[in-house]
Amino acid sequence: MGYGGIGILLGAFLRNELEGLFVIIMTSLLDTMLQNPFSNPGATKDGVQALPEYGPTQVSMAAGFTGATPYGHLLLGPVWFAAMWLLGTAAFRLRTRDHRPPAARTVSAPVRP
């Protein structure tokens, strides 16, 4: 869900699907590498908890290896989606609104012969 929201945000800024695909793939790879305790000895640091996949990763690990359900981590995906959706919607509105003065916005009906 988090990357779906990030995709909405990127859609307001990137012009091509290939650019968006590349950015999403690289972001997800960096996110995964930073959380991997084998490749990153600092994977338990405080900043890792702010990454988009932290909540789903914790839920999947808890489901696979414990009997506990981390309810707080279940909400991190929808929170990331909502935050990115709001930012993407605001960016889209700012980039696509009519910047002409109010007097120039009036549109007359087309003349038909």
PDB file of N, CA and C in Angstrom:
ATOM      1  N   MET A   1       0.820  -1.192   0.000  1.00  0.00           N
ATOM      2  CA  MET A   1       0.000   0.000   0.000  1.00  0.00           C
ATOM      3  C   MET A   1       0.863   1.255   0.000  1.00  0.00           C
ATOM      4  N   GLY A   2       1.943   1.200   0.718  1.00  0.00           N
ATOM      5  CA  GLY A   2       2.812   2.370   0.786  1.00  0.00           C
ATOM      6  C   GLY A   2       3.354   2.762  -0.573  1.00  0.00           C
ATOM      7  N   TYR A   3       3.761   1.768  -1.355  1.00  0.00           N
ATOM      8  CA  TYR A   3       4.309   2.072  -2.678  1.00  0.00           C
ATOM      9  C   TYR A   3       3.217   2.476  -3.663  1.00  0.00           C
ATOM     10  N   GLY A   4       1.992   2.060  -3.432  1.00  0.00           N
ATOM     11  CA  GLY A   4       0.887   2.562  -4.251  1.00  0.00           C
ATOM     12  C   GLY A   4       0.700   4.053  -4.048  1.00  0.00           C
ATOM     13  N   GLY A   5       0.778   4.498  -2.804  1.00  0.00           N
ATOM     14  CA  GLY A   5       0.695   5.928  -2.520  1.00  0.00           C
ATOM     15  C   GLY A   5       1.885   6.695  -3.080  1.00  0.00           C
ATOM     16  N   ILE A   6       3.069   6.094  -3.002  1.00  0.00           N
ATOM     17  CA  ILE A   6       4.251   6.745  -3.564  1.00  0.00           C
ATOM     18  C   ILE A   6       4.103   6.857  -5.081  1.00  0.00           C
ATOM     19  N   GLY A   7       3.502   5.852  -5.707  1.00  0.00           N
ATOM     20  CA  GLY A   7       3.249   5.903  -7.144  1.00  0.00           C
ATOM     21  C   GLY A   7       2.308   7.030  -7.517  1.00  0.00           C
ATOM     22  N   ILE A   8       1.294   7.266  -6.698  1.00  0.00           N
ATOM     23  CA  ILE A   8       0.376   8.389  -6.938  1.00  0.00           C
ATOM     24  C   ILE A   8       1.132   9.708  -6.840  1.00  0.00           C
ATOM     25  N   LEU A   9       1.985   9.829  -5.852  1.00  0.00           N
ATOM     26  CA  LEU A   9       2.780  11.049  -5.698  1.00  0.00           C
ATOM     27  C   LEU A   9       3.723  11.234  -6.882  1.00  0.00           C
ATOM     28  N   LEU A  10       4.384  10.173  -7.307  1.00  0.00           N
ATOM     29  CA  LEU A  10       5.306  10.285  -8.433  1.00  0.00           C
ATOM     30  C   LEU A  10       4.579  10.597  -9.734  1.00  0.00           C
ATOM     31  N   GLY A  11       3.336  10.155  -9.854  1.00  0.00           N
ATOM     32  CA  GLY A  11       2.557  10.439 -11.056  1.00  0.00           C
ATOM     33  C   GLY A  11       2.334  11.917 -11.279  1.00  0.00           C
ATOM     34  N   ALA A  12       2.373  12.698 -10.221  1.00  0.00           N
ATOM     35  CA  ALA A  12       2.198  14.148 -10.352  1.00  0.00           C
ATOM     36  C   ALA A  12       3.468  14.833 -10.832  1.00  0.00           C
ATOM     37  N   PHE A  13       4.609  14.160 -10.751  1.00  0.00           N
ATOM     38  CA  PHE A  13       5.879  14.800 -11.092  1.00  0.00           C
ATOM     39  C   PHE A  13       6.578  14.199 -12.307  1.00  0.00           C
ATOM     40  N   LEU A  14       6.453  12.906 -12.508  1.00  0.00           N
ATOM     41  CA  LEU A  14       7.174  12.249 -13.592  1.00  0.00           C
ATOM     42  C   LEU A  14       6.321  12.211 -14.849  1.00  0.00           C
ATOM     43  N   ARG A  15       6.946  12.366 -16.005  1.00  0.00           N
ATOM     44  CA  ARG A  15       6.218  12.440 -17.264  1.00  0.00           C
ATOM     45  C   ARG A  15       6.040  11.087 -17.942  1.00  0.00           C
ATOM     46  N   ASN A  16       6.856  10.117 -17.631  1.00  0.00           N
ATOM     47  CA  ASN A  16       6.856   8.872 -18.363  1.00  0.00           C
ATOM     48  C   ASN A  16       6.686   7.697 -17.407  1.00  0.00           C
ATOM     49  N   GLU A  17       6.040   6.625 -17.879  1.00  0.00           N
ATOM     50  CA  GLU A  17       5.849   5.440 -17.041  1.00  0.00           C
ATOM     51  C   GLU A  17       7.177   4.767 -16.716  1.00  0.00           C
ATOM     52  N   LEU A  18       8.106   4.815 -17.665  1.00  0.00           N
ATOM     53  CA  LEU A  18       9.407   4.189 -17.437  1.00  0.00           C
ATOM     54  C   LEU A  18      10.161   4.865 -16.292  1.00  0.00           C
ATOM     55  N   GLU A  19      10.078   6.183 -16.222  1.00  0.00           N
ATOM     56  CA  GLU A  19      10.713   6.905 -15.116  1.00  0.00           C
ATOM     57  C   GLU A  19      10.102   6.487 -13.783  1.00  0.00           C
ATOM     58  N   GLY A  20       8.784   6.429 -13.733  1.00  0.00           N
ATOM     59  CA  GLY A  20       8.106   6.031 -12.500  1.00  0.00           C
ATOM     60  C   GLY A  20       8.437   4.617 -12.089  1.00  0.00           C
ATOM     61  N   LEU A  21       8.477   3.703 -13.072  1.00  0.00           N
ATOM     62  CA  LEU A  21       8.815   2.322 -12.786  1.00  0.00           C
ATOM     63  C   LEU A  21      10.226   2.215 -12.222  1.00  0.00           C
ATOM     64  N   PHE A  22      11.161   2.928 -12.821  1.00  0.00           N
ATOM     65  CA  PHE A  22      12.540   2.900 -12.343  1.00  0.00           C
ATOM     66  C   PHE A  22      12.643   3.448 -10.916  1.00  0.00           C
ATOM     67  N   VAL A  23      11.991   4.568 -10.651  1.00  0.00           N
ATOM     68  CA  VAL A  23      12.067   5.169  -9.311  1.00  0.00           C
ATOM     69  C   VAL A  23      11.438   4.255  -8.266  1.00  0.00           C
ATOM     70  N   ILE A  24      10.294   3.658  -8.572  1.00  0.00           N
ATOM     71  CA  ILE A  24       9.641   2.760  -7.612  1.00  0.00           C
ATOM     72  C   ILE A  24      10.507   1.529  -7.343  1.00  0.00           C
ATOM     73  N   ILE A  25      11.079   0.945  -8.394  1.00  0.00           N
ATOM     74  CA  ILE A  25      11.920  -0.241  -8.203  1.00  0.00           C
ATOM     75  C   ILE A  25      13.155   0.098  -7.376  1.00  0.00           C
ATOM     76  N   MET A  26      13.809   1.203  -7.687  1.00  0.00           N
ATOM     77  CA  MET A  26      15.008   1.571  -6.926  1.00  0.00           C
ATOM     78  C   MET A  26      14.665   1.913  -5.477  1.00  0.00           C
ATOM     79  N   THR A  27      13.553   2.572  -5.263  1.00  0.00           N
ATOM     80  CA  THR A  27      13.127   2.901  -3.895  1.00  0.00           C
ATOM     81  C   THR A  27      12.849   1.633  -3.099  1.00  0.00           C
ATOM     82  N   SER A  28      12.162   0.681  -3.704  1.00  0.00           N
ATOM     83  CA  SER A  28      11.859  -0.558  -2.988  1.00  0.00           C
ATOM     84  C   SER A  28      13.127  -1.369  -2.709  1.00  0.00           C
ATOM     85  N   LEU A  29      14.088  -1.352  -3.647  1.00  0.00           N
ATOM     86  CA  LEU A  29      15.346  -2.060  -3.398  1.00  0.00           C
ATOM     87  C   LEU A  29      16.130  -1.426  -2.252  1.00  0.00           C
ATOM     88  N   LEU A  30      16.198  -0.111  -2.243  1.00  0.00           N
ATOM     89  CA  LEU A  30      16.886   0.567  -1.137  1.00  0.00           C
ATOM     90  C   LEU A  30      16.190   0.306   0.188  1.00  0.00           C
ATOM     91  N   ASP A  31      14.871   0.336   0.177  1.00  0.00           N
ATOM     92  CA  ASP A  31      14.089   0.078   1.381  1.00  0.00           C
ATOM     93  C   ASP A  31      14.377  -1.325   1.906  1.00  0.00           C
ATOM     94  N   THR A  32      14.391  -2.297   1.014  1.00  0.00           N
ATOM     95  CA  THR A  32      14.647  -3.681   1.414  1.00  0.00           C
ATOM     96  C   THR A  32      16.073  -3.865   1.915  1.00  0.00           C
ATOM     97  N   MET A  33      17.038  -3.258   1.223  1.00  0.00           N
ATOM     98  CA  MET A  33      18.435  -3.409   1.644  1.00  0.00           C
ATOM     99  C   MET A  33      18.687  -2.772   3.003  1.00  0.00           C
ATOM    100  N   LEU A  34      18.066  -1.640   3.274  1.00  0.00           N
ATOM    101  CA  LEU A  34      18.294  -0.981   4.566  1.00  0.00           C
ATOM    102  C   LEU A  34      17.700  -1.762   5.724  1.00  0.00           C
ATOM    103  N   GLN A  35      16.661  -2.553   5.466  1.00  0.00           N
ATOM    104  CA  GLN A  35      16.036  -3.331   6.536  1.00  0.00           C
ATOM    105  C   GLN A  35      16.659  -4.709   6.721  1.00  0.00           C
ATOM    106  N   ASN A  36      17.502  -5.140   5.806  1.00  0.00           N
ATOM    107  CA  ASN A  36      18.097  -6.465   5.865  1.00  0.00           C
ATOM    108  C   ASN A  36      19.218  -6.488   6.906  1.00  0.00           C
ATOM    109  N   PRO A  37      19.074  -7.263   7.970  1.00  0.00           N
ATOM    110  CA  PRO A  37      20.112  -7.276   9.006  1.00  0.00           C
ATOM    111  C   PRO A  37      21.419  -7.929   8.558  1.00  0.00           C
ATOM    112  N   PHE A  38      21.396  -8.745   7.490  1.00  0.00           N
ATOM    113  CA  PHE A  38      22.622  -9.380   7.004  1.00  0.00           C
ATOM    114  C   PHE A  38      23.494  -8.402   6.235  1.00  0.00           C
ATOM    115  N   SER A  39      22.888  -7.550   5.415  1.00  0.00           N
ATOM    116  CA  SER A  39      23.676  -6.612   4.611  1.00  0.00           C
ATOM    117  C   SER A  39      23.851  -5.254   5.284  1.00  0.00           C
ATOM    118  N   ASN A  40      23.030  -4.961   6.263  1.00  0.00           N
ATOM    119  CA  ASN A  40      23.108  -3.669   6.936  1.00  0.00           C
ATOM    120  C   ASN A  40      23.155  -3.881   8.447  1.00  0.00           C
ATOM    121  N   PRO A  41      24.309  -3.694   9.068  1.00  0.00           N
ATOM    122  CA  PRO A  41      24.377  -3.884  10.522  1.00  0.00           C
ATOM    123  C   PRO A  41      23.560  -2.855  11.300  1.00  0.00           C
ATOM    124  N   GLY A  42      23.197  -1.743  10.674  1.00  0.00           N
ATOM    125  CA  GLY A  42      22.400  -0.719  11.342  1.00  0.00           C
ATOM    126  C   GLY A  42      20.912  -0.863  11.086  1.00  0.00           C
ATOM    127  N   ALA A  43      20.459  -2.077  10.746  1.00  0.00           N
ATOM    128  CA  ALA A  43      19.053  -2.289  10.407  1.00  0.00           C
ATOM    129  C   ALA A  43      18.124  -2.104  11.604  1.00  0.00           C
ATOM    130  N   THR A  44      18.657  -2.086  12.808  1.00  0.00           N
ATOM    131  CA  THR A  44      17.814  -1.914  13.988  1.00  0.00           C
ATOM    132  C   THR A  44      17.821  -0.480  14.494  1.00  0.00           C
ATOM    133  N   LYS A  45      18.386   0.434  13.736  1.00  0.00           N
ATOM    134  CA  LYS A  45      18.432   1.846  14.144  1.00  0.00           C
ATOM    135  C   LYS A  45      17.046   2.476  14.048  1.00  0.00           C
ATOM    136  N   ASP A  46      16.899   3.654  14.654  1.00  0.00           N
ATOM    137  CA  ASP A  46      15.605   4.324  14.710  1.00  0.00           C
ATOM    138  C   ASP A  46      15.103   4.797  13.356  1.00  0.00           C
ATOM    139  N   GLY A  47      15.969   5.211  12.451  1.00  0.00           N
ATOM    140  CA  GLY A  47      15.534   5.747  11.170  1.00  0.00           C
ATOM    141  C   GLY A  47      14.887   4.719  10.262  1.00  0.00           C
ATOM    142  N   VAL A  48      15.187   3.445  10.469  1.00  0.00           N
ATOM    143  CA  VAL A  48      14.628   2.388   9.631  1.00  0.00           C
ATOM    144  C   VAL A  48      13.124   2.280   9.839  1.00  0.00           C
ATOM    145  N   GLN A  49      12.640   2.661  10.996  1.00  0.00           N
ATOM    146  CA  GLN A  49      11.208   2.567  11.287  1.00  0.00           C
ATOM    147  C   GLN A  49      10.378   3.536  10.460  1.00  0.00           C
ATOM    148  N   ALA A  50      11.001   4.510   9.817  1.00  0.00           N
ATOM    149  CA  ALA A  50      10.272   5.480   9.009  1.00  0.00           C
ATOM    150  C   ALA A  50      10.138   5.038   7.552  1.00  0.00           C
ATOM    151  N   LEU A  51      10.717   3.901   7.182  1.00  0.00           N
ATOM    152  CA  LEU A  51      10.647   3.435   5.801  1.00  0.00           C
ATOM    153  C   LEU A  51       9.268   2.860   5.479  1.00  0.00           C
ATOM    154  N   PRO A  52       8.858   2.902   4.205  1.00  0.00           N
ATOM    155  CA  PRO A  52       7.507   2.449   3.844  1.00  0.00           C
ATOM    156  C   PRO A  52       7.240   0.971   4.111  1.00  0.00           C
ATOM    157  N   GLU A  53       8.226   0.114   3.960  1.00  0.00           N
ATOM    158  CA  GLU A  53       7.996  -1.317   4.130  1.00  0.00           C
ATOM    159  C   GLU A  53       8.293  -1.828   5.537  1.00  0.00           C
ATOM    160  N   TYR A  54       8.576  -0.947   6.466  1.00  0.00           N
ATOM    161  CA  TYR A  54       8.905  -1.396   7.816  1.00  0.00           C
ATOM    162  C   TYR A  54       7.719  -2.111   8.467  1.00  0.00           C
ATOM    163  N   GLY A  55       6.549  -1.522   8.402  1.00  0.00           N
ATOM    164  CA  GLY A  55       5.363  -2.129   9.024  1.00  0.00           C
ATOM    165  C   GLY A  55       5.021  -3.480   8.432  1.00  0.00           C
ATOM    166  N   PRO A  56       4.861  -3.593   7.094  1.00  0.00           N
ATOM    167  CA  PRO A  56       4.567  -4.906   6.511  1.00  0.00           C
ATOM    168  C   PRO A  56       5.655  -5.949   6.769  1.00  0.00           C
ATOM    169  N   THR A  57       6.908  -5.535   6.812  1.00  0.00           N
ATOM    170  CA  THR A  57       7.985  -6.482   7.102  1.00  0.00           C
ATOM    171  C   THR A  57       7.861  -7.013   8.524  1.00  0.00           C
ATOM    172  N   GLN A  58       7.575  -6.133   9.471  1.00  0.00           N
ATOM    173  CA  GLN A  58       7.427  -6.568  10.858  1.00  0.00           C
ATOM    174  C   GLN A  58       6.227  -7.500  11.020  1.00  0.00           C
ATOM    175  N   VAL A  59       5.137  -7.205  10.332  1.00  0.00           N
ATOM    176  CA  VAL A  59       3.943  -8.056  10.421  1.00  0.00           C
ATOM    177  C   VAL A  59       4.232  -9.431   9.834  1.00  0.00           C
ATOM    178  N   SER A  60       4.918  -9.480   8.682  1.00  0.00           N
ATOM    179  CA  SER A  60       5.217 -10.777   8.072  1.00  0.00           C
ATOM    180  C   SER A  60       6.182 -11.592   8.926  1.00  0.00           C
ATOM    181  N   MET A  61       7.153 -10.943   9.537  1.00  0.00           N
ATOM    182  CA  MET A  61       8.081 -11.657  10.408  1.00  0.00           C
ATOM    183  C   MET A  61       7.373 -12.179  11.658  1.00  0.00           C
ATOM    184  N   ALA A  62       6.496 -11.374  12.213  1.00  0.00           N
ATOM    185  CA  ALA A  62       5.751 -11.821  13.394  1.00  0.00           C
ATOM    186  C   ALA A  62       4.810 -12.970  13.045  1.00  0.00           C
ATOM    187  N   ALA A  63       4.193 -12.908  11.860  1.00  0.00           N
ATOM    188  CA  ALA A  63       3.293 -13.985  11.451  1.00  0.00           C
ATOM    189  C   ALA A  63       4.053 -15.287  11.200  1.00  0.00           C
ATOM    190  N   GLY A  64       5.263 -15.180  10.697  1.00  0.00           N
ATOM    191  CA  GLY A  64       6.034 -16.376  10.390  1.00  0.00           C
ATOM    192  C   GLY A  64       6.720 -17.007  11.572  1.00  0.00           C
ATOM    193  N   PHE A  65       7.098 -16.212  12.566  1.00  0.00           N
ATOM    194  CA  PHE A  65       7.948 -16.750  13.619  1.00  0.00           C
ATOM    195  C   PHE A  65       7.393 -16.607  15.032  1.00  0.00           C
ATOM    196  N   THR A  66       6.290 -15.891  15.213  1.00  0.00           N
ATOM    197  CA  THR A  66       5.709 -15.754  16.554  1.00  0.00           C
ATOM    198  C   THR A  66       4.198 -15.932  16.468  1.00  0.00           C
ATOM    199  N   GLY A  67       3.574 -15.947  17.590  1.00  0.00           N
ATOM    200  CA  GLY A  67       2.120 -16.024  17.632  1.00  0.00           C
ATOM    201  C   GLY A  67       1.477 -14.669  17.880  1.00  0.00           C
ATOM    202  N   ALA A  68       2.297 -13.639  18.003  1.00  0.00           N
ATOM    203  CA  ALA A  68       1.785 -12.293  18.302  1.00  0.00           C
ATOM    204  C   ALA A  68       1.379 -11.585  17.019  1.00  0.00           C
ATOM    205  N   THR A  69       0.444 -10.648  17.162  1.00  0.00           N
ATOM    206  CA  THR A  69       0.019  -9.815  16.034  1.00  0.00           C
ATOM    207  C   THR A  69       0.355  -8.365  16.364  1.00  0.00           C
ATOM    208  N   PRO A  70       1.294  -7.767  15.648  1.00  0.00           N
ATOM    209  CA  PRO A  70       1.654  -6.367  15.912  1.00  0.00           C
ATOM    210  C   PRO A  70       0.653  -5.415  15.238  1.00  0.00           C
ATOM    211  N   TYR A  71      -0.419  -5.101  15.943  1.00  0.00           N
ATOM    212  CA  TYR A  71      -1.492  -4.286  15.360  1.00  0.00           C
ATOM    213  C   TYR A  71      -1.023  -2.890  14.964  1.00  0.00           C
ATOM    214  N   GLY A  72      -0.108  -2.319  15.710  1.00  0.00           N
ATOM    215  CA  GLY A  72       0.398  -0.995  15.360  1.00  0.00           C
ATOM    216  C   GLY A  72       1.123  -0.988  14.021  1.00  0.00           C
ATOM    217  N   HIS A  73       1.837  -2.059  13.731  1.00  0.00           N
ATOM    218  CA  HIS A  73       2.560  -2.152  12.463  1.00  0.00           C
ATOM    219  C   HIS A  73       1.615  -2.396  11.288  1.00  0.00           C
ATOM    220  N   LEU A  74       0.446  -2.980  11.571  1.00  0.00           N
ATOM    221  CA  LEU A  74      -0.532  -3.194  10.500  1.00  0.00           C
ATOM    222  C   LEU A  74      -1.037  -1.866   9.933  1.00  0.00           C
ATOM    223  N   LEU A  75      -1.017  -0.828  10.739  1.00  0.00           N
ATOM    224  CA  LEU A  75      -1.535   0.473  10.304  1.00  0.00           C
ATOM    225  C   LEU A  75      -0.515   1.299   9.531  1.00  0.00           C
ATOM    226  N   LEU A  76       0.755   0.907   9.545  1.00  0.00           N
ATOM    227  CA  LEU A  76       1.775   1.718   8.882  1.00  0.00           C
ATOM    228  C   LEU A  76       1.598   1.763   7.366  1.00  0.00           C
ATOM    229  N   GLY A  77       1.174   0.681   6.733  1.00  0.00           N
ATOM    230  CA  GLY A  77       0.939   0.679   5.288  1.00  0.00           C
ATOM    231  C   GLY A  77      -0.159   1.651   4.884  1.00  0.00           C
ATOM    232  N   PRO A  78      -1.345   1.573   5.504  1.00  0.00           N
ATOM    233  CA  PRO A  78      -2.385   2.546   5.169  1.00  0.00           C
ATOM    234  C   PRO A  78      -2.008   3.989   5.508  1.00  0.00           C
ATOM    235  N   VAL A  79      -1.218   4.197   6.555  1.00  0.00           N
ATOM    236  CA  VAL A  79      -0.779   5.562   6.890  1.00  0.00           C
ATOM    237  C   VAL A  79       0.145   6.097   5.797  1.00  0.00           C
ATOM    238  N   TRP A  80       1.075   5.271   5.322  1.00  0.00           N
ATOM    239  CA  TRP A  80       1.945   5.693   4.222  1.00  0.00           C
ATOM    240  C   TRP A  80       1.119   6.000   2.979  1.00  0.00           C
ATOM    241  N   PHE A  81       0.141   5.137   2.680  1.00  0.00           N
ATOM    242  CA  PHE A  81      -0.696   5.364   1.503  1.00  0.00           C
ATOM    243  C   PHE A  81      -1.445   6.688   1.620  1.00  0.00           C
ATOM    244  N   ALA A  82      -2.072   6.926   2.765  1.00  0.00           N
ATOM    245  CA  ALA A  82      -2.854   8.150   2.948  1.00  0.00           C
ATOM    246  C   ALA A  82      -1.975   9.397   2.860  1.00  0.00           C
ATOM    247  N   ALA A  83      -0.805   9.354   3.480  1.00  0.00           N
ATOM    248  CA  ALA A  83       0.088  10.517   3.448  1.00  0.00           C
ATOM    249  C   ALA A  83       0.568  10.801   2.028  1.00  0.00           C
ATOM    250  N   MET A  84       0.978   9.769   1.300  1.00  0.00           N
ATOM    251  CA  MET A  84       1.463   9.964  -0.070  1.00  0.00           C
ATOM    252  C   MET A  84       0.323  10.374  -1.004  1.00  0.00           C
ATOM    253  N   TRP A  85      -0.881   9.822  -0.769  1.00  0.00           N
ATOM    254  CA  TRP A  85      -2.035  10.201  -1.578  1.00  0.00           C
ATOM    255  C   TRP A  85      -2.365  11.675  -1.377  1.00  0.00           C
ATOM    256  N   LEU A  86      -2.346  12.135  -0.137  1.00  0.00           N
ATOM    257  CA  LEU A  86      -2.618  13.556   0.123  1.00  0.00           C
ATOM    258  C   LEU A  86      -1.568  14.453  -0.529  1.00  0.00           C
ATOM    259  N   LEU A  87      -0.301  14.092  -0.406  1.00  0.00           N
ATOM    260  CA  LEU A  87       0.756  14.876  -1.049  1.00  0.00           C
ATOM    261  C   LEU A  87       0.621  14.848  -2.572  1.00  0.00           C
ATOM    262  N   GLY A  88       0.314  13.684  -3.131  1.00  0.00           N
ATOM    263  CA  GLY A  88       0.150  13.561  -4.576  1.00  0.00           C
ATOM    264  C   GLY A  88      -1.039  14.355  -5.089  1.00  0.00           C
ATOM    265  N   THR A  89      -2.134  14.331  -4.349  1.00  0.00           N
ATOM    266  CA  THR A  89      -3.316  15.098  -4.744  1.00  0.00           C
ATOM    267  C   THR A  89      -3.043  16.593  -4.670  1.00  0.00           C
ATOM    268  N   ALA A  90      -2.359  17.038  -3.631  1.00  0.00           N
ATOM    269  CA  ALA A  90      -2.009  18.456  -3.522  1.00  0.00           C
ATOM    270  C   ALA A  90      -1.065  18.879  -4.639  1.00  0.00           C
ATOM    271  N   ALA A  91      -0.082  18.039  -4.953  1.00  0.00           N
ATOM    272  CA  ALA A  91       0.857  18.359  -6.035  1.00  0.00           C
ATOM    273  C   ALA A  91       0.140  18.394  -7.373  1.00  0.00           C
ATOM    274  N   PHE A  92      -0.765  17.447  -7.595  1.00  0.00           N
ATOM    275  CA  PHE A  92      -1.523  17.431  -8.845  1.00  0.00           C
ATOM    276  C   PHE A  92      -2.375  18.683  -8.980  1.00  0.00           C
ATOM    277  N   ARG A  93      -3.010  19.092  -7.903  1.00  0.00           N
ATOM    278  CA  ARG A  93      -3.847  20.295  -7.947  1.00  0.00           C
ATOM    279  C   ARG A  93      -3.012  21.538  -8.232  1.00  0.00           C
ATOM    280  N   LEU A  94      -1.857  21.650  -7.592  1.00  0.00           N
ATOM    281  CA  LEU A  94      -0.996  22.810  -7.832  1.00  0.00           C
ATOM    282  C   LEU A  94      -0.436  22.837  -9.251  1.00  0.00           C
ATOM    283  N   ARG A  95      -0.149  21.670  -9.795  1.00  0.00           N
ATOM    284  CA  ARG A  95       0.453  21.619 -11.129  1.00  0.00           C
ATOM    285  C   ARG A  95      -0.570  21.753 -12.248  1.00  0.00           C
ATOM    286  N   THR A  96      -1.845  21.476 -11.993  1.00  0.00           N
ATOM    287  CA  THR A  96      -2.833  21.476 -13.068  1.00  0.00           C
ATOM    288  C   THR A  96      -3.896  22.553 -12.940  1.00  0.00           C
ATOM    289  N   ARG A  97      -3.850  23.369 -11.939  1.00  0.00           N
ATOM    290  CA  ARG A  97      -4.890  24.392 -11.800  1.00  0.00           C
ATOM    291  C   ARG A  97      -4.692  25.494 -12.829  1.00  0.00           C
ATOM    292  N   ASP A  98      -5.715  26.272 -13.025  1.00  0.00           N
ATOM    293  CA  ASP A  98      -5.700  27.351 -14.002  1.00  0.00           C
ATOM    294  C   ASP A  98      -5.015  28.563 -13.382  1.00  0.00           C
ATOM    295  N   HIS A  99      -3.905  28.984 -13.956  1.00  0.00           N
ATOM    296  CA  HIS A  99      -3.119  30.089 -13.413  1.00  0.00           C
ATOM    297  C   HIS A  99      -3.457  31.429 -14.063  1.00  0.00           C
ATOM    298  N   ARG A 100      -4.454  31.445 -14.942  1.00  0.00           N
ATOM    299  CA  ARG A 100      -4.830  32.709 -15.574  1.00  0.00           C
ATOM    300  C   ARG A 100      -5.593  33.583 -14.586  1.00  0.00           C
ATOM    301  N   PRO A 101      -5.610  34.900 -14.808  1.00  0.00           N
ATOM    302  CA  PRO A 101      -6.408  35.772 -13.942  1.00  0.00           C
ATOM    303  C   PRO A 101      -7.895  35.445 -14.102  1.00  0.00           C
ATOM    304  N   PRO A 102      -8.709  35.769 -13.095  1.00  0.00           N
ATOM    305  CA  PRO A 102     -10.133  35.420 -13.152  1.00  0.00           C
ATOM    306  C   PRO A 102     -10.855  35.993 -14.372  1.00  0.00           C
ATOM    307  N   ALA A 103     -10.464  37.162 -14.845  1.00  0.00           N
ATOM    308  CA  ALA A 103     -11.147  37.754 -16.003  1.00  0.00           C
ATOM    309  C   ALA A 103     -10.891  36.946 -17.272  1.00  0.00           C
ATOM    310  N   ALA A 104      -9.761  36.310 -17.384  1.00  0.00           N
ATOM    311  CA  ALA A 104      -9.424  35.544 -18.582  1.00  0.00           C
ATOM    312  C   ALA A 104      -9.996  34.136 -18.550  1.00  0.00           C
ATOM    313  N   ARG A 105     -10.573  33.707 -17.443  1.00  0.00           N
ATOM    314  CA  ARG A 105     -11.093  32.351 -17.319  1.00  0.00           C
ATOM    315  C   ARG A 105     -12.470  32.172 -17.941  1.00  0.00           C
ATOM    316  N   THR A 106     -13.156  33.243 -18.198  1.00  0.00           N
ATOM    317  CA  THR A 106     -14.500  33.106 -18.758  1.00  0.00           C
ATOM    318  C   THR A 106     -14.390  32.597 -20.182  1.00  0.00           C
ATOM    319  N   VAL A 107     -15.139  31.579 -20.453  1.00  0.00           N
ATOM    320  CA  VAL A 107     -15.100  30.950 -21.773  1.00  0.00           C
ATOM    321  C   VAL A 107     -16.455  31.166 -22.428  1.00  0.00           C
ATOM    322  N   SER A 108     -16.437  31.702 -23.626  1.00  0.00           N
ATOM    323  CA  SER A 108     -17.695  31.924 -24.338  1.00  0.00           C
ATOM    324  C   SER A 108     -18.066  30.655 -25.080  1.00  0.00           C
ATOM    325  N   ALA A 109     -19.341  30.518 -25.377  1.00  0.00           N
ATOM    326  CA  ALA A 109     -19.840  29.360 -26.091  1.00  0.00           C
ATOM    327  C   ALA A 109     -19.332  29.375 -27.534  1.00  0.00           C
ATOM    328  N   PRO A 110     -19.011  28.224 -28.094  1.00  0.00           N
ATOM    329  CA  PRO A 110     -18.520  28.215 -29.472  1.00  0.00           C
ATOM    330  C   PRO A 110     -19.631  28.617 -30.442  1.00  0.00           C
ATOM    331  N   VAL A 111     -19.238  29.315 -31.481  1.00  0.00           N
ATOM    332  CA  VAL A 111     -20.194  29.760 -32.493  1.00  0.00           C
ATOM    333  C   VAL A 111     -20.342  28.666 -33.525  1.00  0.00           C
ATOM    334  N   ARG A 112     -21.593  28.255 -33.771  1.00  0.00           N
ATOM    335  CA  ARG A 112     -21.851  27.209 -34.734  1.00  0.00           C
ATOM    336  C   ARG A 112     -22.497  27.815 -35.976  1.00  0.00           C
ATOM    337  N   PRO A 113     -22.038  27.426 -37.159  1.00  0.00           N
ATOM    338  CA  PRO A 113     -22.635  27.991 -38.370  1.00  0.00           C
ATOM    339  C   PRO A 113     -24.006  27.428 -38.676  1.00  0.00           C
TER     340      PRO A 113
END
